[in-house]
Amino acid sequence: MFILPNNVTIIEVGPRDGLQNEKKHVDEQHKLAFIKALLGAGITEMELTSFVSPKWVPQMADAEAIIAGTERIGRQFVLAPNAKGAELARAADVRSIAVFVGVSNTFNLKNINRTTDDSMDALEPVIAALKADGLFVRACISTAFYCPYEGKINPTAVVALCRRFAALGADELSVADTIGMANPQESYQLFTTLKKELPDLLLTAHFHDTRKMAMANIFAALQAGVDRFDTSAGGLGGCPFAPGATGNVATEDVVHMLDTLGITTGVDVKKVCEAVQMIAPHVTRPIDTGMYRLFENKQL
């Protein structure tokens, strides 16, 4: 008999994580329409954009306009990888800010030219300032299972990094299978440990579907007691600094699975598919998720 949560929170990451690696420029008005449609589908937590250098991630150059043009509903995050990004986010009156660090030293060096320890040292005053101002801090833990450069990651290193974020005052941990190599046993074991070690923090699972294991990993995480999941409408996404990382697990497919399990999300699958339909003409990645195919064929 499976013990599963009654309710699950879906954190929509499509507007940021889903679009950041898109080669084709997506105009501001299309992003805003996408976000509005997702809010209309019942999404109450969403990662809208990121305050990063346009030189490195040009797709996010319109961050201020996206924040200004989005109705404030629920908890809305922006990614701010450093002090400058956090400063810009605060100036835009963002109240929930995500920071990120990879467990893998090599990943961090390739991504932000710092080791994991150096990255944490740099983030410590940033997080302290955000918490002093009463902001919500979401800590994204990249390469929590496997790294494209170092291979399998030791779970003890993941727990240690999560503990360090907890000590700094982070409100939430988003623990990511960045390149989609985890299996359900690894998912269950790591999230069981984290739930036990850090019971007072919000714990979110973030799976990429590179090897079509994301749904199985989510089910394993559900059994471990996780009730928050990052998903991306249309399965959009992929990290520009993680070779081999394909799209995130699709919001519409995850919500459908949870619906069939009797787990409440408050998210309307058909309306998510309508949001995907709006953004699909503006991205190069083909949308080929299970529920979206049914929607296109008028079977949903």
Protein backbone atom coordinates (compact mmCIF):
# COMPACT_ATOMS: atom_id res chain seq x y z
CA MET A 1 0.00 0.00 0.00
CA PHE A 2 1.51 3.32 -1.07
CA ILE A 3 1.39 6.24 1.35
CA LEU A 4 1.05 9.35 -0.77
CA PRO A 5 0.27 13.00 0.06
CA ASN A 6 -3.26 14.27 -0.39
CA ASN A 7 -2.14 17.55 -1.92
CA VAL A 8 0.82 18.55 -4.09
CA THR A 9 2.09 21.98 -5.03
CA ILE A 10 3.22 22.42 -8.62
CA ILE A 11 5.95 25.03 -9.11
CA GLU A 12 5.86 26.08 -12.76
CA VAL A 13 9.36 26.80 -14.11
CA GLY A 14 8.53 27.08 -17.81
CA PRO A 15 8.86 30.86 -18.20
CA ARG A 16 12.42 30.81 -16.83
CA ASP A 17 13.97 27.34 -16.85
CA GLY A 18 11.85 26.34 -19.81
CA LEU A 19 12.82 29.26 -22.03
CA GLN A 20 16.35 30.14 -20.90
CA ASN A 21 18.02 27.76 -23.35
CA GLU A 22 15.68 28.51 -26.27
CA LYS A 23 17.80 29.55 -29.25
CA LYS A 24 15.00 31.58 -30.85
CA HIS A 25 14.26 34.90 -29.16
CA VAL A 26 10.84 34.84 -27.53
CA ASP A 27 9.27 38.30 -27.43
CA GLU A 28 8.18 39.80 -24.15
CA GLN A 29 4.50 39.84 -25.08
CA HIS A 30 4.51 36.11 -25.82
CA LYS A 31 6.18 35.34 -22.49
CA LEU A 32 3.65 37.48 -20.64
CA ALA A 33 0.74 35.79 -22.41
CA PHE A 34 2.23 32.40 -21.52
CA ILE A 35 2.56 33.40 -17.86
CA LYS A 36 -0.97 34.81 -17.75
CA ALA A 37 -2.38 31.58 -19.20
CA LEU A 38 -0.47 29.49 -16.65
CA LEU A 39 -1.79 31.60 -13.81
CA GLY A 40 -5.25 31.05 -15.26
CA ALA A 41 -4.65 27.31 -15.17
CA GLY A 42 -4.36 27.45 -11.38
CA ILE A 43 -0.60 27.75 -10.93
CA THR A 44 0.08 29.44 -7.58
CA GLU A 45 3.88 29.25 -7.57
CA MET A 46 5.96 30.13 -10.62
CA GLU A 47 9.52 30.94 -11.61
CA LEU A 48 9.07 33.94 -13.89
CA THR A 49 12.52 34.94 -15.09
CA SER A 50 16.11 35.49 -13.96
CA PHE A 51 18.31 38.50 -13.36
CA VAL A 52 21.45 37.31 -15.11
CA SER A 53 23.84 38.86 -17.57
CA PRO A 54 22.20 39.10 -21.04
CA LYS A 55 25.62 38.23 -22.42
CA TRP A 56 25.34 34.72 -20.99
CA VAL A 57 21.57 34.19 -21.10
CA PRO A 58 20.14 36.63 -23.68
CA GLN A 59 16.66 35.12 -23.41
CA MET A 60 16.33 36.64 -19.94
CA ALA A 61 17.29 40.20 -20.92
CA ASP A 62 13.69 41.38 -20.43
CA ALA A 63 13.48 40.35 -16.76
CA GLU A 64 12.35 43.74 -15.46
CA ALA A 65 9.60 43.99 -18.07
CA ILE A 66 8.38 40.47 -17.27
CA ILE A 67 8.12 41.28 -13.58
CA ALA A 68 6.38 44.58 -14.26
CA GLY A 69 3.91 43.00 -16.67
CA THR A 70 2.88 40.03 -14.52
CA GLU A 71 -0.08 40.08 -12.16
CA ARG A 72 1.02 39.22 -8.63
CA ILE A 73 -0.72 35.93 -7.86
CA GLY A 74 0.67 33.49 -5.31
CA ARG A 75 4.43 33.11 -4.89
CA GLN A 76 6.47 34.21 -7.87
CA PHE A 77 10.21 33.59 -8.00
CA VAL A 78 13.06 35.02 -9.96
CA LEU A 79 16.48 33.45 -10.19
CA ALA A 80 19.28 35.71 -8.93
CA PRO A 81 22.62 33.87 -9.04
CA ASN A 82 24.70 36.58 -7.38
CA ALA A 83 24.61 39.83 -5.40
CA LYS A 84 24.02 41.94 -8.51
CA GLY A 85 21.09 39.80 -9.60
CA ALA A 86 19.60 39.94 -6.10
CA GLU A 87 19.95 43.72 -6.08
CA LEU A 88 18.11 44.01 -9.39
CA ALA A 89 15.38 41.63 -8.22
CA ARG A 90 14.82 43.61 -5.03
CA ALA A 91 14.67 46.84 -7.02
CA ALA A 92 11.89 45.24 -9.07
CA ASP A 93 10.01 44.53 -5.81
CA VAL A 94 10.35 40.76 -6.07
CA ARG A 95 9.60 39.09 -2.73
CA SER A 96 10.77 35.53 -3.49
CA ILE A 97 14.25 34.97 -4.84
CA ALA A 98 15.95 31.78 -5.95
CA VAL A 99 19.69 31.20 -5.74
CA PHE A 100 21.53 28.17 -7.01
CA VAL A 101 24.66 26.12 -6.43
CA GLY A 102 25.71 22.78 -7.87
CA VAL A 103 26.90 20.02 -5.60
CA SER A 104 29.56 19.30 -8.22
CA ASN A 105 32.64 21.54 -8.12
CA THR A 106 33.25 21.04 -11.83
CA PHE A 107 29.70 22.01 -12.71
CA ASN A 108 30.03 25.20 -10.68
CA LEU A 109 33.35 26.07 -12.30
CA LYS A 110 31.86 25.58 -15.77
CA ASN A 111 28.72 27.51 -14.85
CA ILE A 112 29.84 30.43 -12.68
CA ASN A 113 33.62 30.01 -12.52
CA ARG A 114 33.60 29.21 -8.79
CA THR A 115 33.88 26.05 -6.71
CA THR A 116 30.93 24.93 -4.61
CA ASP A 117 32.51 26.28 -1.42
CA ASP A 118 33.41 29.59 -3.06
CA SER A 119 29.86 29.88 -4.40
CA MET A 120 28.41 29.35 -0.94
CA ASP A 121 30.81 31.86 0.60
CA ALA A 122 29.65 34.44 -1.95
CA LEU A 123 25.98 33.67 -1.36
CA GLU A 124 26.14 33.86 2.43
CA PRO A 125 25.90 37.68 2.68
CA VAL A 126 23.36 37.74 -0.16
CA ILE A 127 21.02 35.35 1.65
CA ALA A 128 21.57 37.17 4.95
CA ALA A 129 20.51 40.47 3.35
CA LEU A 130 17.45 38.91 1.72
CA LYS A 131 16.32 37.31 4.97
CA ALA A 132 16.92 40.54 6.90
CA ASP A 133 14.44 42.19 4.55
CA GLY A 134 11.90 39.41 5.08
CA LEU A 135 12.20 37.89 1.60
CA PHE A 136 11.55 34.24 0.76
CA VAL A 137 14.72 32.41 -0.32
CA ARG A 138 14.58 29.34 -2.51
CA ALA A 139 17.84 27.41 -2.81
CA CYS A 140 18.23 25.39 -6.01
CA ILE A 141 20.60 22.45 -5.61
CA SER A 142 21.92 21.48 -9.05
CA THR A 143 23.56 18.13 -9.95
CA ALA A 144 22.13 16.47 -6.84
CA PHE A 145 22.26 13.01 -8.41
CA TYR A 146 24.67 13.08 -11.36
CA CYS A 147 27.00 15.59 -12.97
CA PRO A 148 27.86 15.68 -16.70
CA TYR A 149 31.54 16.06 -15.72
CA GLU A 150 31.96 14.16 -12.44
CA GLY A 151 29.42 11.36 -12.80
CA LYS A 152 27.47 10.07 -9.80
CA ILE A 153 27.28 12.49 -6.87
CA ASN A 154 27.74 11.23 -3.31
CA PRO A 155 24.43 11.73 -1.44
CA THR A 156 26.32 12.82 1.68
CA ALA A 157 27.63 15.82 -0.27
CA VAL A 158 24.06 16.73 -1.25
CA VAL A 159 22.86 16.53 2.34
CA ALA A 160 25.81 18.62 3.51
CA LEU A 161 25.07 21.37 0.97
CA CYS A 162 21.38 21.34 1.87
CA ARG A 163 22.28 21.63 5.55
CA ARG A 164 24.49 24.62 4.78
CA PHE A 165 21.65 26.37 2.97
CA ALA A 166 19.34 25.59 5.90
CA ALA A 167 21.83 27.14 8.32
CA LEU A 168 21.90 30.29 6.18
CA GLY A 169 18.14 30.62 6.51
CA ALA A 170 16.84 29.28 3.19
CA ASP A 171 13.09 28.70 3.21
CA GLU A 172 12.99 26.07 0.46
CA LEU A 173 15.30 23.56 -1.15
CA SER A 174 14.72 22.62 -4.79
CA VAL A 175 16.81 19.50 -5.34
CA ALA A 176 17.50 18.81 -8.99
CA ASP A 177 18.34 15.87 -11.20
CA THR A 178 19.92 18.35 -13.60
CA ILE A 179 20.80 15.94 -16.41
CA GLY A 180 18.01 13.41 -15.87
CA MET A 181 20.10 10.38 -14.88
CA ALA A 182 18.54 9.49 -11.51
CA ASN A 183 16.52 6.33 -11.03
CA PRO A 184 13.52 5.85 -8.70
CA GLN A 185 15.54 4.08 -6.00
CA GLU A 186 18.00 6.98 -5.87
CA SER A 187 15.12 9.45 -5.80
CA TYR A 188 13.41 7.67 -2.92
CA GLN A 189 16.60 7.28 -0.90
CA LEU A 190 17.81 10.87 -1.24
CA PHE A 191 14.45 12.49 -0.54
CA THR A 192 13.74 10.16 2.38
CA THR A 193 17.06 11.26 3.90
CA LEU A 194 16.44 14.95 3.26
CA LYS A 195 12.92 14.80 4.73
CA LYS A 196 14.38 13.21 7.86
CA GLU A 197 17.40 15.52 8.14
CA LEU A 198 15.62 18.81 7.36
CA PRO A 199 11.97 18.36 8.33
CA ASP A 200 11.23 22.07 8.77
CA LEU A 201 12.20 23.20 5.27
CA LEU A 202 10.02 23.15 2.18
CA LEU A 203 11.46 20.40 0.02
CA THR A 204 10.89 20.40 -3.74
CA ALA A 205 11.97 17.84 -6.31
CA HIS A 206 13.14 18.96 -9.76
CA PHE A 207 13.47 16.28 -12.44
CA HIS A 208 14.56 16.47 -16.05
CA ASP A 209 13.20 13.86 -18.44
CA THR A 210 16.36 13.11 -20.42
CA ARG A 211 15.97 9.35 -20.09
CA LYS A 212 12.18 9.30 -19.63
CA MET A 213 12.57 8.51 -15.92
CA ALA A 214 11.15 11.73 -14.48
CA MET A 215 7.63 10.44 -13.81
CA ALA A 216 8.96 7.32 -12.08
CA ASN A 217 11.29 9.49 -10.02
CA ILE A 218 8.41 11.76 -9.05
CA PHE A 219 6.36 8.77 -7.91
CA ALA A 220 9.30 7.59 -5.81
CA ALA A 221 9.67 11.07 -4.31
CA LEU A 222 5.95 11.11 -3.49
CA GLN A 223 6.45 7.91 -1.51
CA ALA A 224 9.32 9.60 0.32
CA GLY A 225 6.92 12.33 1.42
CA VAL A 226 7.72 15.06 -1.12
CA ASP A 227 4.70 17.19 -1.95
CA ARG A 228 6.28 19.93 -4.08
CA PHE A 229 7.53 19.49 -7.65
CA ASP A 230 9.11 21.78 -10.22
CA THR A 231 7.58 21.19 -13.64
CA SER A 232 7.63 22.96 -17.00
CA ALA A 233 4.62 23.35 -19.27
CA GLY A 234 5.25 21.55 -22.53
CA GLY A 235 8.34 19.87 -21.08
CA LEU A 236 10.36 22.92 -22.12
CA GLY A 237 13.81 23.46 -20.74
CA GLY A 238 17.39 22.36 -20.44
CA CYS A 239 20.45 23.88 -18.82
CA PRO A 240 22.90 25.68 -21.17
CA PHE A 241 25.76 24.75 -18.83
CA ALA A 242 24.90 21.04 -18.46
CA PRO A 243 25.60 19.03 -21.62
CA GLY A 244 22.97 16.37 -22.16
CA ALA A 245 20.28 18.03 -20.06
CA THR A 246 17.03 17.99 -22.01
CA GLY A 247 13.65 19.33 -21.00
CA ASN A 248 12.03 19.40 -17.61
CA VAL A 249 9.24 17.02 -16.83
CA ALA A 250 6.01 18.36 -18.34
CA THR A 251 3.52 20.10 -16.06
CA GLU A 252 0.53 18.70 -17.92
CA ASP A 253 1.77 15.10 -17.64
CA VAL A 254 2.63 15.38 -13.95
CA VAL A 255 -0.71 16.98 -13.07
CA HIS A 256 -2.55 14.28 -15.01
CA MET A 257 -0.70 11.53 -13.12
CA LEU A 258 -1.47 13.19 -9.80
CA ASP A 259 -5.12 13.61 -10.79
CA THR A 260 -5.39 9.88 -11.50
CA LEU A 261 -3.85 9.14 -8.09
CA GLY A 262 -6.47 11.29 -6.38
CA ILE A 263 -3.91 13.91 -5.37
CA THR A 264 -5.15 17.50 -5.47
CA THR A 265 -3.04 20.16 -7.23
CA GLY A 266 -5.59 22.84 -8.11
CA VAL A 267 -4.16 22.90 -11.65
CA ASP A 268 -6.28 22.39 -14.76
CA VAL A 269 -4.51 20.13 -17.28
CA LYS A 270 -6.49 21.40 -20.27
CA LYS A 271 -5.72 25.02 -19.43
CA VAL A 272 -2.02 24.18 -19.08
CA CYS A 273 -2.17 22.67 -22.57
CA GLU A 274 -3.83 25.86 -23.82
CA ALA A 275 -0.90 27.83 -22.39
CA VAL A 276 1.52 25.47 -24.14
CA GLN A 277 -0.38 25.97 -27.39
CA MET A 278 0.18 29.71 -27.05
CA ILE A 279 3.97 29.46 -26.61
CA ALA A 280 4.56 26.55 -29.01
CA PRO A 281 4.81 28.68 -32.22
CA HIS A 282 7.50 30.81 -30.62
CA VAL A 283 9.96 28.09 -29.61
CA THR A 284 12.11 25.79 -31.71
CA ARG A 285 11.71 22.77 -29.44
CA PRO A 286 8.85 20.50 -30.60
CA ILE A 287 6.17 19.91 -27.98
CA ASP A 288 5.62 16.19 -27.70
CA THR A 289 4.24 15.48 -24.25
CA GLY A 290 1.58 12.85 -23.69
CA MET A 291 -1.23 15.12 -22.54
CA TYR A 292 -0.44 17.80 -25.12
CA ARG A 293 -0.73 15.25 -27.93
CA LEU A 294 -4.16 14.27 -26.61
CA PHE A 295 -5.10 17.96 -26.42
CA GLU A 296 -4.02 18.58 -30.01
CA ASN A 297 -6.03 15.56 -31.14
CA LYS A 298 -9.08 16.88 -29.25
CA GLN A 299 -9.05 13.83 -26.96
CA LEU A 300 -8.65 15.83 -23.76
